[in-house]
Amino acid sequence: MKPPYEITSKILNLIASISEKIGEINASHLNKPPTELRRRNRIKTIQSSLEIEGNTLTVEQITDILDNKRIFAPKKDILEVKNAINVYNQLNKFKVYELKSLCKAHEILMKDLVKNPGKLRTGSVGIIKGSEIAHIAPPGEMVYSLMTDLLDYLKNDDDLVLIKSCVFHYEIEFIHPFVDGNGRMGRLWQTMILKEHSPVFEFLPIESLVKSKQEEYYNVLGKSDNQGTSTAFIEFMLEIIKDALEELLKEQNITLTNIERILSFKGIIGTKEFSRQAYLRAFKNISQATASRDLKTAVENELIEKQGDKRTTTYRYK
């Protein structure tokens, strides 16, 4: 059964904008960002997603944990971070359409934090905000069938992956398949779905923008609950995705090193012979002098071979 939502003009406009930005990112060879940017964005992702759930650790403290340095913080917060690092490092092992894989991700993410991590809930659960019940999730006996239907929709429906990723995120929040950890699982699995659409999403810190709009995030979840459709949530998350891509494009000019450009260009040209002009066409934001330095570095490091002289100079990857 397909979850209820409508495709609005706002959704279509946002998808067009996102597609345009992905095209720019591909042209700039940022579909897999440089190593340092990937690391920085992964840390931002983990910190923001956990801060939404009340974790107190900073970006600097999470960096120290990644570097195997000792930090002083609540044990639960440290464990949450270590679990999140573990699960994000294994993203490529999970199968996005399989319930078993989703449960395994939850098991890693919530290890030693809840009883029976990785197990679907069987009892009733409600979400309380302040003194009020904000959401009553479907009965426990319905969870398995609801999740099976949701994954079937994700795999087989003809709607765009961008839309389905937002729908899935919302439905995880609505169904509340686990006793705890549903919010961070919704955000994690949306990343899983989006990276099937483009590799850039694996290291795009969408969660940091969600964190910056945390109140609006919860408000739009409540609005979608009240309306019985995820349309408002889809619009909200697509806006977040668009903003995250814009931030990446702003950063890109200063993040690619010469070696990273050289290695990236190999993926484009392969073993074909090429000129400096061909290299420049691939990297429109660098000067002729920078291109010459890049190619000189590549020759010196024996990554490429140089043939000819001056205007007749050509290169080929070894």
Protein backbone atom coordinates (compact mmCIF):
# COMPACT_ATOMS: atom_id res chain seq x y z
CA MET A 1 0.00 0.00 0.00
CA LYS A 2 1.35 3.40 -1.02
CA PRO A 3 1.70 5.94 1.84
CA PRO A 4 -0.55 9.01 1.41
CA TYR A 5 1.03 12.17 -0.03
CA GLU A 6 0.58 14.61 -2.91
CA ILE A 7 3.10 15.91 -5.46
CA THR A 8 2.78 19.70 -5.19
CA SER A 9 4.25 22.41 -7.41
CA LYS A 10 6.66 23.25 -4.57
CA ILE A 11 7.90 19.63 -4.55
CA LEU A 12 8.41 19.68 -8.33
CA ASN A 13 10.31 22.99 -8.17
CA LEU A 14 12.53 21.72 -5.37
CA ILE A 15 13.30 18.50 -7.27
CA ALA A 16 14.24 20.53 -10.35
CA SER A 17 16.58 22.69 -8.24
CA ILE A 18 18.13 19.64 -6.54
CA SER A 19 18.69 17.91 -9.89
CA GLU A 20 20.37 21.04 -11.25
CA LYS A 21 22.71 21.19 -8.23
CA ILE A 22 23.58 17.49 -8.52
CA GLY A 23 24.51 18.18 -12.13
CA GLU A 24 26.81 21.01 -11.00
CA ILE A 25 28.36 18.74 -8.38
CA ASN A 26 29.00 16.02 -10.94
CA ALA A 27 30.58 18.56 -13.27
CA SER A 28 32.81 19.73 -10.40
CA HIS A 29 33.77 16.12 -9.56
CA LEU A 30 32.31 16.42 -6.07
CA ASN A 31 30.01 13.38 -6.36
CA LYS A 32 32.59 11.84 -4.04
CA PRO A 33 34.07 14.73 -2.06
CA PRO A 34 37.76 14.90 -1.07
CA THR A 35 38.88 12.78 1.89
CA GLU A 36 39.11 15.60 4.44
CA LEU A 37 35.72 17.02 3.44
CA ARG A 38 34.15 13.56 3.70
CA ARG A 39 35.57 13.13 7.22
CA ARG A 40 34.45 16.60 8.31
CA ASN A 41 30.94 16.09 6.94
CA ARG A 42 30.62 12.65 8.52
CA ILE A 43 31.50 14.11 11.91
CA LYS A 44 28.94 16.92 11.41
CA THR A 45 26.32 14.33 10.44
CA ILE A 46 26.89 12.22 13.56
CA GLN A 47 27.06 15.19 15.92
CA SER A 48 23.90 16.81 14.57
CA SER A 49 21.79 13.65 14.39
CA LEU A 50 22.68 12.74 17.98
CA GLU A 51 22.31 16.29 19.30
CA ILE A 52 18.72 16.24 18.04
CA GLU A 53 18.24 13.29 20.42
CA GLY A 54 19.88 15.09 23.37
CA ASN A 55 23.52 14.05 23.02
CA THR A 56 25.91 16.67 24.44
CA LEU A 57 29.16 15.88 22.60
CA THR A 58 30.71 18.53 20.36
CA VAL A 59 32.28 18.18 16.92
CA GLU A 60 35.70 18.46 18.58
CA GLN A 61 34.94 15.67 21.06
CA ILE A 62 33.65 13.38 18.30
CA THR A 63 36.80 14.12 16.31
CA ASP A 64 38.85 13.06 19.35
CA ILE A 65 36.90 9.80 19.60
CA LEU A 66 37.58 9.10 15.92
CA ASP A 67 41.28 9.76 16.61
CA ASN A 68 41.18 7.33 19.57
CA LYS A 69 41.76 10.12 22.09
CA ARG A 70 40.29 10.00 25.56
CA ILE A 71 37.50 12.46 26.36
CA PHE A 72 35.54 13.26 29.50
CA ALA A 73 31.77 13.08 28.89
CA PRO A 74 28.73 11.03 29.98
CA LYS A 75 29.26 7.34 29.18
CA LYS A 76 25.91 7.13 27.38
CA ASP A 77 26.83 10.04 25.09
CA ILE A 78 30.20 8.48 24.25
CA LEU A 79 28.55 5.13 23.52
CA GLU A 80 25.97 6.77 21.24
CA VAL A 81 28.77 8.39 19.25
CA LYS A 82 30.84 5.20 18.99
CA ASN A 83 27.77 3.28 17.81
CA ALA A 84 26.94 5.97 15.25
CA ILE A 85 30.52 5.98 13.93
CA ASN A 86 30.32 2.21 13.61
CA VAL A 87 27.04 2.20 11.70
CA TYR A 88 27.97 5.06 9.34
CA ASN A 89 31.26 3.30 8.54
CA GLN A 90 29.23 0.28 7.38
CA LEU A 91 26.69 2.06 5.17
CA ASN A 92 27.81 0.18 2.07
CA LYS A 93 27.18 -3.18 3.75
CA PHE A 94 23.47 -2.54 4.31
CA LYS A 95 20.80 -3.36 1.74
CA VAL A 96 18.39 -0.48 1.49
CA TYR A 97 15.28 -2.53 0.62
CA GLU A 98 15.68 -5.28 3.23
CA LEU A 99 14.03 -5.19 6.65
CA LYS A 100 16.71 -7.52 8.01
CA SER A 101 19.39 -5.00 7.03
CA LEU A 102 17.48 -2.08 8.55
CA CYS A 103 17.16 -4.02 11.81
CA LYS A 104 20.88 -4.82 11.76
CA ALA A 105 21.67 -1.12 11.40
CA HIS A 106 19.43 -0.39 14.41
CA GLU A 107 21.18 -3.14 16.38
CA ILE A 108 24.57 -1.48 15.79
CA LEU A 109 23.26 2.05 16.37
CA MET A 110 21.50 1.21 19.64
CA LYS A 111 23.85 -1.45 21.04
CA ASP A 112 23.88 -1.35 24.88
CA LEU A 113 21.49 1.63 24.79
CA VAL A 114 18.16 -0.24 24.69
CA LYS A 115 16.93 -3.74 25.38
CA ASN A 116 16.79 -5.97 22.29
CA PRO A 117 18.36 -3.56 19.78
CA GLY A 118 17.50 -4.48 16.21
CA LYS A 119 14.16 -6.01 17.18
CA LEU A 120 10.83 -4.59 16.03
CA ARG A 121 8.61 -3.54 18.91
CA THR A 122 5.62 -5.68 19.82
CA GLY A 123 3.97 -3.42 22.39
CA SER A 124 2.23 -0.04 22.24
CA VAL A 125 4.14 3.24 22.34
CA GLY A 126 3.37 6.94 22.42
CA ILE A 127 5.56 10.02 22.05
CA ILE A 128 5.22 12.53 24.88
CA LYS A 129 6.27 16.16 24.59
CA GLY A 130 6.06 18.05 27.83
CA SER A 131 2.87 16.88 29.51
CA GLU A 132 1.04 15.99 26.29
CA ILE A 133 0.98 12.92 24.07
CA ALA A 134 2.24 14.15 20.70
CA HIS A 135 1.85 10.91 18.77
CA ILE A 136 0.41 7.44 19.33
CA ALA A 137 2.15 4.94 17.08
CA PRO A 138 0.30 2.02 15.43
CA PRO A 139 -0.17 -1.12 17.61
CA GLY A 140 2.81 -3.44 17.92
CA GLU A 141 1.11 -6.28 16.05
CA MET A 142 0.91 -4.06 12.94
CA VAL A 143 4.57 -3.01 12.86
CA TYR A 144 5.96 -5.91 10.81
CA SER A 145 3.33 -5.66 8.08
CA LEU A 146 3.58 -1.85 7.95
CA MET A 147 7.36 -2.00 7.57
CA THR A 148 7.10 -4.73 4.93
CA ASP A 149 4.63 -2.60 2.95
CA LEU A 150 6.84 0.48 3.35
CA LEU A 151 9.93 -1.29 2.02
CA ASP A 152 7.89 -2.71 -0.86
CA TYR A 153 6.78 0.84 -1.73
CA LEU A 154 10.38 2.03 -1.54
CA LYS A 155 11.59 -0.71 -3.87
CA ASN A 156 8.77 -0.83 -6.41
CA ASP A 157 6.94 2.51 -6.60
CA ASP A 158 7.64 4.62 -9.68
CA ASP A 159 7.98 7.95 -7.85
CA LEU A 160 11.40 9.61 -7.75
CA VAL A 161 13.93 8.39 -5.19
CA LEU A 162 14.18 11.91 -3.77
CA ILE A 163 10.49 11.84 -2.89
CA LYS A 164 10.52 8.26 -1.64
CA SER A 165 13.45 8.98 0.67
CA CYS A 166 11.44 11.74 2.39
CA VAL A 167 8.33 9.56 2.58
CA PHE A 168 10.33 6.74 4.14
CA HIS A 169 11.88 9.10 6.71
CA TYR A 170 8.44 10.35 7.72
CA GLU A 171 6.87 6.88 7.83
CA ILE A 172 9.65 5.57 10.10
CA GLU A 173 8.78 8.37 12.50
CA PHE A 174 5.06 7.60 12.20
CA ILE A 175 5.24 3.80 12.48
CA HIS A 176 7.88 3.99 15.23
CA PRO A 177 9.03 0.40 14.54
CA PHE A 178 11.56 0.30 17.38
CA VAL A 179 11.16 1.06 21.07
CA ASP A 180 13.76 3.83 20.75
CA GLY A 181 16.13 5.24 18.13
CA ASN A 182 13.51 5.81 15.43
CA GLY A 183 14.50 9.43 14.74
CA ARG A 184 18.15 8.66 14.14
CA MET A 185 17.16 5.58 12.10
CA GLY A 186 14.85 7.68 9.91
CA ARG A 187 17.66 10.12 9.17
CA LEU A 188 20.22 7.33 8.65
CA TRP A 189 18.01 5.37 6.26
CA GLN A 190 17.14 8.46 4.24
CA THR A 191 20.88 8.83 3.67
CA MET A 192 20.98 5.17 2.63
CA ILE A 193 18.20 5.75 0.10
CA LEU A 194 19.65 9.01 -1.24
CA LYS A 195 23.10 7.55 -1.87
CA GLU A 196 21.40 5.08 -4.21
CA HIS A 197 20.37 8.19 -6.19
CA SER A 198 23.82 9.85 -6.11
CA PRO A 199 27.05 9.01 -4.25
CA VAL A 200 27.34 12.62 -3.07
CA PHE A 201 24.65 11.94 -0.44
CA GLU A 202 26.79 9.44 1.46
CA PHE A 203 28.84 12.29 2.95
CA LEU A 204 26.38 15.18 2.73
CA PRO A 205 25.62 16.48 6.26
CA ILE A 206 21.85 16.85 5.84
CA GLU A 207 21.41 16.25 9.57
CA SER A 208 23.27 19.45 10.47
CA LEU A 209 20.66 21.49 8.61
CA VAL A 210 17.86 19.48 10.22
CA LYS A 211 19.43 20.33 13.59
CA SER A 212 19.50 24.04 12.72
CA LYS A 213 15.74 23.80 12.03
CA GLN A 214 14.94 21.30 14.76
CA GLU A 215 11.78 23.01 16.00
CA GLU A 216 10.44 23.29 12.46
CA TYR A 217 11.39 19.63 11.88
CA TYR A 218 9.21 18.48 14.78
CA ASN A 219 6.43 20.92 13.90
CA VAL A 220 6.22 19.63 10.32
CA LEU A 221 6.18 16.02 11.58
CA GLY A 222 3.21 16.97 13.77
CA LYS A 223 1.54 18.81 10.89
CA SER A 224 1.86 15.74 8.65
CA ASP A 225 0.42 13.56 11.42
CA ASN A 226 -2.59 15.86 11.75
CA GLN A 227 -3.13 16.02 7.99
CA GLY A 228 -2.72 12.27 7.52
CA THR A 229 -0.25 12.82 4.67
CA SER A 230 3.53 13.33 4.46
CA THR A 231 3.29 16.12 1.86
CA ALA A 232 4.44 18.90 4.23
CA PHE A 233 7.34 16.77 5.46
CA ILE A 234 8.45 15.99 1.88
CA GLU A 235 8.53 19.72 1.11
CA PHE A 236 10.52 20.43 4.27
CA MET A 237 13.13 17.70 3.69
CA LEU A 238 13.58 18.56 0.00
CA GLU A 239 14.31 22.14 1.05
CA ILE A 240 16.91 20.80 3.51
CA ILE A 241 18.51 18.65 0.78
CA LYS A 242 18.64 21.61 -1.61
CA ASP A 243 20.32 23.80 1.04
CA ALA A 244 22.87 21.06 1.86
CA LEU A 245 23.84 20.76 -1.81
CA GLU A 246 24.20 24.53 -2.07
CA GLU A 247 26.59 24.53 0.90
CA LEU A 248 28.67 21.80 -0.70
CA LEU A 249 28.95 23.77 -3.94
CA LYS A 250 30.11 26.86 -2.01
CA GLU A 251 32.86 24.82 -0.33
CA GLN A 252 34.07 22.96 -3.40
CA ASN A 253 36.47 25.56 -4.82
CA ILE A 254 38.76 25.40 -1.81
CA THR A 255 38.60 21.70 -0.97
CA LEU A 256 40.05 19.87 -3.99
CA THR A 257 43.83 19.48 -3.84
CA ASN A 258 45.94 19.05 -6.97
CA ILE A 259 46.37 15.32 -6.35
CA GLU A 260 42.62 14.92 -5.81
CA ARG A 261 41.93 16.72 -9.10
CA ILE A 262 44.44 14.50 -10.87
CA LEU A 263 42.93 11.30 -9.48
CA SER A 264 39.42 12.54 -10.19
CA PHE A 265 40.30 13.29 -13.82
CA LYS A 266 41.57 9.74 -14.28
CA GLY A 267 38.02 8.55 -13.67
CA ILE A 268 36.85 10.76 -16.55
CA ILE A 269 39.55 10.25 -19.17
CA GLY A 270 40.70 6.72 -18.37
CA THR A 271 43.72 5.71 -20.46
CA LYS A 272 43.00 8.06 -23.35
CA GLU A 273 45.54 10.66 -24.43
CA PHE A 274 44.64 14.22 -23.34
CA SER A 275 45.90 17.81 -23.41
CA ARG A 276 46.10 20.55 -20.82
CA GLN A 277 43.03 22.13 -22.41
CA ALA A 278 41.04 18.94 -21.88
CA TYR A 279 42.10 19.01 -18.22
CA LEU A 280 41.01 22.65 -17.94
CA ARG A 281 37.60 21.90 -19.46
CA ALA A 282 37.03 19.40 -16.67
CA PHE A 283 38.02 21.90 -13.95
CA LYS A 284 36.60 25.24 -15.06
CA ASN A 285 37.39 26.99 -11.75
CA ILE A 286 41.19 26.66 -11.98
CA SER A 287 43.65 28.78 -13.97
CA GLN A 288 45.95 27.63 -16.78
CA ALA A 289 48.90 28.00 -14.40
CA THR A 290 47.20 25.76 -11.82
CA ALA A 291 46.44 23.17 -14.50
CA SER A 292 50.09 23.20 -15.58
CA ARG A 293 51.24 22.73 -11.97
CA ASP A 294 48.77 19.86 -11.50
CA LEU A 295 50.05 18.07 -14.58
CA LYS A 296 53.70 18.70 -13.66
CA THR A 297 53.02 17.19 -10.21
CA ALA A 298 51.32 14.19 -11.80
CA VAL A 299 54.33 13.60 -14.10
CA GLU A 300 56.77 13.93 -11.19
CA ASN A 301 54.74 11.44 -9.15
CA GLU A 302 54.68 9.07 -12.14
CA LEU A 303 50.87 9.12 -12.28
CA ILE A 304 50.89 10.22 -15.94
CA GLU A 305 53.29 10.17 -18.87
CA LYS A 306 54.14 13.30 -20.88
CA GLN A 307 54.68 13.25 -24.63
CA GLY A 308 55.61 16.06 -27.03
CA ASP A 309 56.57 19.64 -26.20
CA LYS A 310 54.81 22.99 -25.74
CA ARG A 311 51.65 23.12 -27.91
CA THR A 312 52.01 19.49 -28.95
CA THR A 313 52.26 18.21 -25.37
CA THR A 314 49.87 15.39 -24.49
CA TYR A 315 49.48 13.22 -21.41
CA ARG A 316 48.29 9.73 -20.63
CA TYR A 317 47.61 7.96 -17.32
CA LYS A 318 49.85 5.00 -16.61
